[in-house]
Amino acid sequence: QARFVESGGGLVQPGESLRLSCTTAGFRLDSRAIGWFRQAPGKEREGVSCVSSRDGIYYSDPVEGRFIVSRDLASNTISLQMNDLKPEDTGVYYCATWYSDRCGSEWPRVGPLESRGQGTQVTVSL
């Protein structure tokens, strides 16, 4: 079973940066599409970024140009570099898989999640 441990969250001011990491286990990192998602209080889950060997890298419109996703197959880690953070980026960020090896043409819409981590809190505030 896929397992994830996220880290790197924190409290930052608008315009600052954070780098999140997601260490994975239980599967080959290049065998699945893996997404970063976030959820703010009272809001639905939102796809942030996706990476897969089959169809590359995707970002959602709110983070395009500010966030950069990368993966290290040797360490089984997915990272999310978040720059120019805004208050609306606040939420719990977690990585997850959803029974697919592609991010898909409908990203950030995906099917039911297969497995996810507990997440790391990101708060952007003055």
Foldseek 3Di string as FASTA:
>chain_A
DKAWDKDWADEAAAQAKIKMKIAIDDDQLQQFKKWKWWDDPPGDIATAKIAHPVEGIDGDPVQPPFKDWDADRVRRMIMIIGGRDDQVVWGFMKMFTQPHRDVDPPPVDDDDTPDMYPTDTHGYHD
